[in-house]
Amino acid sequence: MTQHLMFPNSPKLNAPWRDQLFNTRAAKQGGILRRNKHSIDREIGVSLLVAEVRARGFRLYEVGDDYVIVCHRRPIRQLC
């Protein structure tokens, strides 16, 4: 079942794009997603991305020109 958050005043709902992002094999298997910041801004906006990631219990990182989504809830340890 696909989970959609409701942002009635947002012009960037783009449910098909969000579905595609979070229905990838990497997302379903607890992997890593990387998307260009400009792509996120164009398709759904960072506020909606943050809300979608939080709703799933995932983590979101800003790395240079990309957003990196860690699609699991296990502990993460930075080594250096």
PDB file of N, CA and C in Angstrom:
ATOM      1  N   MET A   1       0.842  -1.178   0.000  1.00  0.00           N
ATOM      2  CA  MET A   1       0.000   0.000   0.000  1.00  0.00           C
ATOM      3  C   MET A   1       0.888   1.242   0.000  1.00  0.00           C
ATOM      4  N   THR A   2       0.640   2.142  -0.902  1.00  0.00           N
ATOM      5  CA  THR A   2       1.413   3.365  -1.005  1.00  0.00           C
ATOM      6  C   THR A   2       0.885   4.389  -0.018  1.00  0.00           C
ATOM      7  N   GLN A   3       1.786   4.993   0.713  1.00  0.00           N
ATOM      8  CA  GLN A   3       1.414   6.009   1.693  1.00  0.00           C
ATOM      9  C   GLN A   3       1.620   7.380   1.071  1.00  0.00           C
ATOM     10  N   HIS A   4       0.576   8.197   1.086  1.00  0.00           N
ATOM     11  CA  HIS A   4       0.677   9.559   0.589  1.00  0.00           C
ATOM     12  C   HIS A   4       0.385  10.520   1.725  1.00  0.00           C
ATOM     13  N   LEU A   5       1.205  11.513   1.861  1.00  0.00           N
ATOM     14  CA  LEU A   5       0.949  12.572   2.828  1.00  0.00           C
ATOM     15  C   LEU A   5       0.155  13.659   2.130  1.00  0.00           C
ATOM     16  N   MET A   6      -0.704  14.289   2.854  1.00  0.00           N
ATOM     17  CA  MET A   6      -1.563  15.305   2.259  1.00  0.00           C
ATOM     18  C   MET A   6      -1.025  16.706   2.538  1.00  0.00           C
ATOM     19  N   PHE A   7      -0.714  17.412   1.490  1.00  0.00           N
ATOM     20  CA  PHE A   7      -0.294  18.801   1.558  1.00  0.00           C
ATOM     21  C   PHE A   7      -1.211  19.572   0.615  1.00  0.00           C
ATOM     22  N   PRO A   8      -2.432  19.913   1.074  1.00  0.00           N
ATOM     23  CA  PRO A   8      -3.427  20.481   0.170  1.00  0.00           C
ATOM     24  C   PRO A   8      -3.020  21.792  -0.489  1.00  0.00           C
ATOM     25  N   ASN A   9      -2.141  22.564   0.102  1.00  0.00           N
ATOM     26  CA  ASN A   9      -1.753  23.848  -0.475  1.00  0.00           C
ATOM     27  C   ASN A   9      -0.490  23.766  -1.318  1.00  0.00           C
ATOM     28  N   SER A  10       0.071  22.576  -1.458  1.00  0.00           N
ATOM     29  CA  SER A  10       1.317  22.422  -2.195  1.00  0.00           C
ATOM     30  C   SER A  10       1.046  22.195  -3.679  1.00  0.00           C
ATOM     31  N   PRO A  11       1.689  22.978  -4.556  1.00  0.00           N
ATOM     32  CA  PRO A  11       1.516  22.753  -5.988  1.00  0.00           C
ATOM     33  C   PRO A  11       2.337  21.574  -6.494  1.00  0.00           C
ATOM     34  N   LYS A  12       3.215  21.020  -5.666  1.00  0.00           N
ATOM     35  CA  LYS A  12       4.142  19.982  -6.114  1.00  0.00           C
ATOM     36  C   LYS A  12       3.827  18.637  -5.468  1.00  0.00           C
ATOM     37  N   LEU A  13       2.626  18.132  -5.623  1.00  0.00           N
ATOM     38  CA  LEU A  13       2.301  16.841  -5.018  1.00  0.00           C
ATOM     39  C   LEU A  13       2.924  15.692  -5.809  1.00  0.00           C
ATOM     40  N   ASN A  14       2.817  15.710  -7.118  1.00  0.00           N
ATOM     41  CA  ASN A  14       3.439  14.759  -8.035  1.00  0.00           C
ATOM     42  C   ASN A  14       3.497  13.338  -7.468  1.00  0.00           C
ATOM     43  N   ALA A  15       2.349  12.785  -7.139  1.00  0.00           N
ATOM     44  CA  ALA A  15       2.267  11.440  -6.557  1.00  0.00           C
ATOM     45  C   ALA A  15       2.940  10.367  -7.411  1.00  0.00           C
ATOM     46  N   PRO A  16       2.805  10.373  -8.744  1.00  0.00           N
ATOM     47  CA  PRO A  16       3.484   9.333  -9.528  1.00  0.00           C
ATOM     48  C   PRO A  16       5.005   9.352  -9.350  1.00  0.00           C
ATOM     49  N   TRP A  17       5.587  10.535  -9.279  1.00  0.00           N
ATOM     50  CA  TRP A  17       7.038  10.632  -9.106  1.00  0.00           C
ATOM     51  C   TRP A  17       7.448  10.106  -7.736  1.00  0.00           C
ATOM     52  N   ARG A  18       6.689  10.478  -6.689  1.00  0.00           N
ATOM     53  CA  ARG A  18       6.975   9.980  -5.334  1.00  0.00           C
ATOM     54  C   ARG A  18       6.822   8.467  -5.271  1.00  0.00           C
ATOM     55  N   ASP A  19       5.763   7.954  -5.898  1.00  0.00           N
ATOM     56  CA  ASP A  19       5.562   6.502  -5.908  1.00  0.00           C
ATOM     57  C   ASP A  19       6.756   5.807  -6.549  1.00  0.00           C
ATOM     58  N   GLN A  20       7.213   6.338  -7.672  1.00  0.00           N
ATOM     59  CA  GLN A  20       8.359   5.736  -8.364  1.00  0.00           C
ATOM     60  C   GLN A  20       9.594   5.754  -7.479  1.00  0.00           C
ATOM     61  N   LEU A  21       9.822   6.859  -6.790  1.00  0.00           N
ATOM     62  CA  LEU A  21      11.003   6.985  -5.936  1.00  0.00           C
ATOM     63  C   LEU A  21      10.987   5.960  -4.809  1.00  0.00           C
ATOM     64  N   PHE A  22       9.877   5.869  -4.090  1.00  0.00           N
ATOM     65  CA  PHE A  22       9.830   5.019  -2.907  1.00  0.00           C
ATOM     66  C   PHE A  22       9.422   3.578  -3.205  1.00  0.00           C
ATOM     67  N   ASN A  23       9.129   3.267  -4.469  1.00  0.00           N
ATOM     68  CA  ASN A  23       8.847   1.884  -4.849  1.00  0.00           C
ATOM     69  C   ASN A  23      10.007   1.235  -5.586  1.00  0.00           C
ATOM     70  N   THR A  24      11.163   1.862  -5.586  1.00  0.00           N
ATOM     71  CA  THR A  24      12.341   1.261  -6.203  1.00  0.00           C
ATOM     72  C   THR A  24      12.811   0.071  -5.376  1.00  0.00           C
ATOM     73  N   ARG A  25      13.569  -0.801  -6.002  1.00  0.00           N
ATOM     74  CA  ARG A  25      14.113  -1.965  -5.296  1.00  0.00           C
ATOM     75  C   ARG A  25      14.964  -1.532  -4.110  1.00  0.00           C
ATOM     76  N   ALA A  26      15.776  -0.499  -4.295  1.00  0.00           N
ATOM     77  CA  ALA A  26      16.643  -0.019  -3.206  1.00  0.00           C
ATOM     78  C   ALA A  26      15.817   0.432  -2.008  1.00  0.00           C
ATOM     79  N   ALA A  27      14.747   1.165  -2.254  1.00  0.00           N
ATOM     80  CA  ALA A  27      13.908   1.643  -1.150  1.00  0.00           C
ATOM     81  C   ALA A  27      13.228   0.482  -0.441  1.00  0.00           C
ATOM     82  N   LYS A  28      12.739  -0.474  -1.203  1.00  0.00           N
ATOM     83  CA  LYS A  28      12.027  -1.613  -0.618  1.00  0.00           C
ATOM     84  C   LYS A  28      12.948  -2.557   0.144  1.00  0.00           C
ATOM     85  N   GLN A  29      14.221  -2.617  -0.255  1.00  0.00           N
ATOM     86  CA  GLN A  29      15.150  -3.556   0.371  1.00  0.00           C
ATOM     87  C   GLN A  29      16.064  -2.896   1.398  1.00  0.00           C
ATOM     88  N   GLY A  30      15.758  -1.674   1.794  1.00  0.00           N
ATOM     89  CA  GLY A  30      16.553  -1.010   2.820  1.00  0.00           C
ATOM     90  C   GLY A  30      17.856  -0.435   2.316  1.00  0.00           C
ATOM     91  N   GLY A  31      17.885  -0.055   1.064  1.00  0.00           N
ATOM     92  CA  GLY A  31      19.102   0.470   0.466  1.00  0.00           C
ATOM     93  C   GLY A  31      19.218   1.983   0.552  1.00  0.00           C
ATOM     94  N   ILE A  32      19.949   2.535  -0.397  1.00  0.00           N
ATOM     95  CA  ILE A  32      20.261   3.957  -0.441  1.00  0.00           C
ATOM     96  C   ILE A  32      19.716   4.540  -1.742  1.00  0.00           C
ATOM     97  N   LEU A  33      19.076   5.700  -1.644  1.00  0.00           N
ATOM     98  CA  LEU A  33      18.629   6.439  -2.822  1.00  0.00           C
ATOM     99  C   LEU A  33      19.406   7.744  -2.892  1.00  0.00           C
ATOM    100  N   ARG A  34      19.769   8.138  -4.097  1.00  0.00           N
ATOM    101  CA  ARG A  34      20.427   9.432  -4.287  1.00  0.00           C
ATOM    102  C   ARG A  34      19.719  10.155  -5.419  1.00  0.00           C
ATOM    103  N   ARG A  35      19.328  11.389  -5.150  1.00  0.00           N
ATOM    104  CA  ARG A  35      18.671  12.197  -6.169  1.00  0.00           C
ATOM    105  C   ARG A  35      19.273  13.601  -6.151  1.00  0.00           C
ATOM    106  N   ASN A  36      19.421  14.168  -7.324  1.00  0.00           N
ATOM    107  CA  ASN A  36      19.941  15.518  -7.466  1.00  0.00           C
ATOM    108  C   ASN A  36      18.982  16.519  -6.828  1.00  0.00           C
ATOM    109  N   LYS A  37      19.530  17.491  -6.115  1.00  0.00           N
ATOM    110  CA  LYS A  37      18.706  18.489  -5.429  1.00  0.00           C
ATOM    111  C   LYS A  37      17.806  19.253  -6.400  1.00  0.00           C
ATOM    112  N   HIS A  38      18.307  19.541  -7.593  1.00  0.00           N
ATOM    113  CA  HIS A  38      17.501  20.265  -8.577  1.00  0.00           C
ATOM    114  C   HIS A  38      16.307  19.426  -9.023  1.00  0.00           C
ATOM    115  N   SER A  39      16.509  18.124  -9.145  1.00  0.00           N
ATOM    116  CA  SER A  39      15.415  17.224  -9.511  1.00  0.00           C
ATOM    117  C   SER A  39      14.340  17.203  -8.433  1.00  0.00           C
ATOM    118  N   ILE A  40      14.756  17.129  -7.180  1.00  0.00           N
ATOM    119  CA  ILE A  40      13.802  17.139  -6.064  1.00  0.00           C
ATOM    120  C   ILE A  40      13.032  18.453  -6.050  1.00  0.00           C
ATOM    121  N   ASP A  41      13.744  19.571  -6.193  1.00  0.00           N
ATOM    122  CA  ASP A  41      13.089  20.884  -6.192  1.00  0.00           C
ATOM    123  C   ASP A  41      12.067  20.991  -7.322  1.00  0.00           C
ATOM    124  N   ARG A  42      12.409  20.454  -8.481  1.00  0.00           N
ATOM    125  CA  ARG A  42      11.528  20.524  -9.644  1.00  0.00           C
ATOM    126  C   ARG A  42      10.299  19.617  -9.481  1.00  0.00           C
ATOM    127  N   GLU A  43      10.497  18.421  -8.937  1.00  0.00           N
ATOM    128  CA  GLU A  43       9.421  17.427  -8.913  1.00  0.00           C
ATOM    129  C   GLU A  43       8.488  17.533  -7.710  1.00  0.00           C
ATOM    130  N   ILE A  44       9.034  17.688  -6.490  1.00  0.00           N
ATOM    131  CA  ILE A  44       8.165  17.688  -5.302  1.00  0.00           C
ATOM    132  C   ILE A  44       8.539  18.735  -4.260  1.00  0.00           C
ATOM    133  N   GLY A  45       9.743  19.246  -4.303  1.00  0.00           N
ATOM    134  CA  GLY A  45      10.190  20.203  -3.289  1.00  0.00           C
ATOM    135  C   GLY A  45      10.765  19.493  -2.074  1.00  0.00           C
ATOM    136  N   VAL A  46      11.704  20.145  -1.422  1.00  0.00           N
ATOM    137  CA  VAL A  46      12.402  19.512  -0.305  1.00  0.00           C
ATOM    138  C   VAL A  46      11.495  19.328   0.907  1.00  0.00           C
ATOM    139  N   SER A  47      10.553  20.218   1.139  1.00  0.00           N
ATOM    140  CA  SER A  47       9.661  20.077   2.298  1.00  0.00           C
ATOM    141  C   SER A  47       8.845  18.798   2.219  1.00  0.00           C
ATOM    142  N   LEU A  48       8.325  18.507   1.050  1.00  0.00           N
ATOM    143  CA  LEU A  48       7.554  17.279   0.881  1.00  0.00           C
ATOM    144  C   LEU A  48       8.460  16.054   0.966  1.00  0.00           C
ATOM    145  N   LEU A  49       9.667  16.145   0.413  1.00  0.00           N
ATOM    146  CA  LEU A  49      10.607  15.031   0.527  1.00  0.00           C
ATOM    147  C   LEU A  49      10.909  14.737   1.989  1.00  0.00           C
ATOM    148  N   VAL A  50      11.195  15.766   2.773  1.00  0.00           N
ATOM    149  CA  VAL A  50      11.471  15.586   4.204  1.00  0.00           C
ATOM    150  C   VAL A  50      10.290  14.903   4.883  1.00  0.00           C
ATOM    151  N   ALA A  51       9.083  15.350   4.595  1.00  0.00           N
ATOM    152  CA  ALA A  51       7.894  14.755   5.215  1.00  0.00           C
ATOM    153  C   ALA A  51       7.727  13.292   4.825  1.00  0.00           C
ATOM    154  N   GLU A  52       7.961  12.969   3.560  1.00  0.00           N
ATOM    155  CA  GLU A  52       7.835  11.587   3.090  1.00  0.00           C
ATOM    156  C   GLU A  52       8.889  10.694   3.740  1.00  0.00           C
ATOM    157  N   VAL A  53      10.108  11.187   3.837  1.00  0.00           N
ATOM    158  CA  VAL A  53      11.189  10.407   4.449  1.00  0.00           C
ATOM    159  C   VAL A  53      10.890  10.180   5.929  1.00  0.00           C
ATOM    160  N   ARG A  54      10.482  11.215   6.638  1.00  0.00           N
ATOM    161  CA  ARG A  54      10.141  11.074   8.061  1.00  0.00           C
ATOM    162  C   ARG A  54       8.997  10.091   8.275  1.00  0.00           C
ATOM    163  N   ALA A  55       7.982  10.160   7.424  1.00  0.00           N
ATOM    164  CA  ALA A  55       6.822   9.275   7.568  1.00  0.00           C
ATOM    165  C   ALA A  55       7.216   7.806   7.452  1.00  0.00           C
ATOM    166  N   ARG A  56       8.267   7.527   6.711  1.00  0.00           N
ATOM    167  CA  ARG A  56       8.732   6.154   6.536  1.00  0.00           C
ATOM    168  C   ARG A  56       9.778   5.746   7.572  1.00  0.00           C
ATOM    169  N   GLY A  57      10.225   6.690   8.376  1.00  0.00           N
ATOM    170  CA  GLY A  57      11.245   6.389   9.369  1.00  0.00           C
ATOM    171  C   GLY A  57      12.634   6.269   8.769  1.00  0.00           C
ATOM    172  N   PHE A  58      12.826   6.812   7.562  1.00  0.00           N
ATOM    173  CA  PHE A  58      14.120   6.785   6.898  1.00  0.00           C
ATOM    174  C   PHE A  58      14.924   8.008   7.320  1.00  0.00           C
ATOM    175  N   ARG A  59      16.133   8.142   6.761  1.00  0.00           N
ATOM    176  CA  ARG A  59      16.986   9.301   7.042  1.00  0.00           C
ATOM    177  C   ARG A  59      17.334  10.001   5.740  1.00  0.00           C
ATOM    178  N   LEU A  60      17.473  11.318   5.820  1.00  0.00           N
ATOM    179  CA  LEU A  60      17.778  12.126   4.651  1.00  0.00           C
ATOM    180  C   LEU A  60      19.023  12.951   4.925  1.00  0.00           C
ATOM    181  N   TYR A  61      19.960  12.918   3.983  1.00  0.00           N
ATOM    182  CA  TYR A  61      21.197  13.688   4.090  1.00  0.00           C
ATOM    183  C   TYR A  61      21.348  14.559   2.855  1.00  0.00           C
ATOM    184  N   GLU A  62      21.904  15.742   3.053  1.00  0.00           N
ATOM    185  CA  GLU A  62      22.267  16.619   1.950  1.00  0.00           C
ATOM    186  C   GLU A  62      23.763  16.457   1.743  1.00  0.00           C
ATOM    187  N   VAL A  63      24.144  15.987   0.553  1.00  0.00           N
ATOM    188  CA  VAL A  63      25.546  15.714   0.248  1.00  0.00           C
ATOM    189  C   VAL A  63      25.877  16.415  -1.067  1.00  0.00           C
ATOM    190  N   GLY A  64      26.536  17.558  -0.961  1.00  0.00           N
ATOM    191  CA  GLY A  64      26.857  18.330  -2.162  1.00  0.00           C
ATOM    192  C   GLY A  64      25.596  18.738  -2.895  1.00  0.00           C
ATOM    193  N   ASP A  65      25.496  18.336  -4.164  1.00  0.00           N
ATOM    194  CA  ASP A  65      24.334  18.670  -4.993  1.00  0.00           C
ATOM    195  C   ASP A  65      23.244  17.607  -4.942  1.00  0.00           C
ATOM    196  N   ASP A  66      23.363  16.654  -4.026  1.00  0.00           N
ATOM    197  CA  ASP A  66      22.422  15.541  -3.953  1.00  0.00           C
ATOM    198  C   ASP A  66      21.758  15.441  -2.593  1.00  0.00           C
ATOM    199  N   TYR A  67      20.599  14.778  -2.583  1.00  0.00           N
ATOM    200  CA  TYR A  67      19.978  14.302  -1.354  1.00  0.00           C
ATOM    201  C   TYR A  67      20.171  12.795  -1.336  1.00  0.00           C
ATOM    202  N   VAL A  68      20.579  12.278  -0.208  1.00  0.00           N
ATOM    203  CA  VAL A  68      20.787  10.845  -0.036  1.00  0.00           C
ATOM    204  C   VAL A  68      19.790  10.361   1.008  1.00  0.00           C
ATOM    205  N   ILE A  69      19.013   9.349   0.640  1.00  0.00           N
ATOM    206  CA  ILE A  69      18.003   8.785   1.529  1.00  0.00           C
ATOM    207  C   ILE A  69      18.452   7.392   1.932  1.00  0.00           C
ATOM    208  N   VAL A  70      18.577   7.166   3.226  1.00  0.00           N
ATOM    209  CA  VAL A  70      18.903   5.844   3.765  1.00  0.00           C
ATOM    210  C   VAL A  70      17.572   5.193   4.114  1.00  0.00           C
ATOM    211  N   CYS A  71      17.242   4.132   3.418  1.00  0.00           N
ATOM    212  CA  CYS A  71      15.900   3.537   3.479  1.00  0.00           C
ATOM    213  C   CYS A  71      15.796   2.402   4.491  1.00  0.00           C
ATOM    214  N   HIS A  72      16.282   2.637   5.678  1.00  0.00           N
ATOM    215  CA  HIS A  72      16.094   1.685   6.769  1.00  0.00           C
ATOM    216  C   HIS A  72      16.187   2.436   8.081  1.00  0.00           C
ATOM    217  N   ARG A  73      15.873   1.739   9.165  1.00  0.00           N
ATOM    218  CA  ARG A  73      15.854   2.368  10.492  1.00  0.00           C
ATOM    219  C   ARG A  73      16.990   1.873  11.377  1.00  0.00           C
ATOM    220  N   ARG A  74      17.896   1.106  10.813  1.00  0.00           N
ATOM    221  CA  ARG A  74      19.004   0.577  11.606  1.00  0.00           C
ATOM    222  C   ARG A  74      19.987   1.691  11.965  1.00  0.00           C
ATOM    223  N   PRO A  75      20.774   1.486  13.024  1.00  0.00           N
ATOM    224  CA  PRO A  75      21.747   2.511  13.421  1.00  0.00           C
ATOM    225  C   PRO A  75      22.755   2.800  12.304  1.00  0.00           C
ATOM    226  N   ILE A  76      23.195   4.036  12.251  1.00  0.00           N
ATOM    227  CA  ILE A  76      24.215   4.472  11.299  1.00  0.00           C
ATOM    228  C   ILE A  76      25.353   5.070  12.102  1.00  0.00           C
ATOM    229  N   ARG A  77      26.567   4.669  11.763  1.00  0.00           N
ATOM    230  CA  ARG A  77      27.741   5.180  12.469  1.00  0.00           C
ATOM    231  C   ARG A  77      28.698   5.779  11.448  1.00  0.00           C
ATOM    232  N   GLN A  78      29.076   7.023  11.651  1.00  0.00           N
ATOM    233  CA  GLN A  78      30.050   7.671  10.779  1.00  0.00           C
ATOM    234  C   GLN A  78      31.441   7.261  11.233  1.00  0.00           C
ATOM    235  N   LEU A  79      32.251   6.742  10.322  1.00  0.00           N
ATOM    236  CA  LEU A  79      33.577   6.231  10.675  1.00  0.00           C
ATOM    237  C   LEU A  79      34.671   7.282  10.572  1.00  0.00           C
ATOM    238  N   CYS A  80      34.538   8.246   9.715  1.00  0.00           N
ATOM    239  CA  CYS A  80      35.545   9.317   9.640  1.00  0.00           C
ATOM    240  C   CYS A  80      34.951  10.548   9.020  1.00  0.00           C
TER     241      CYS A  80
END
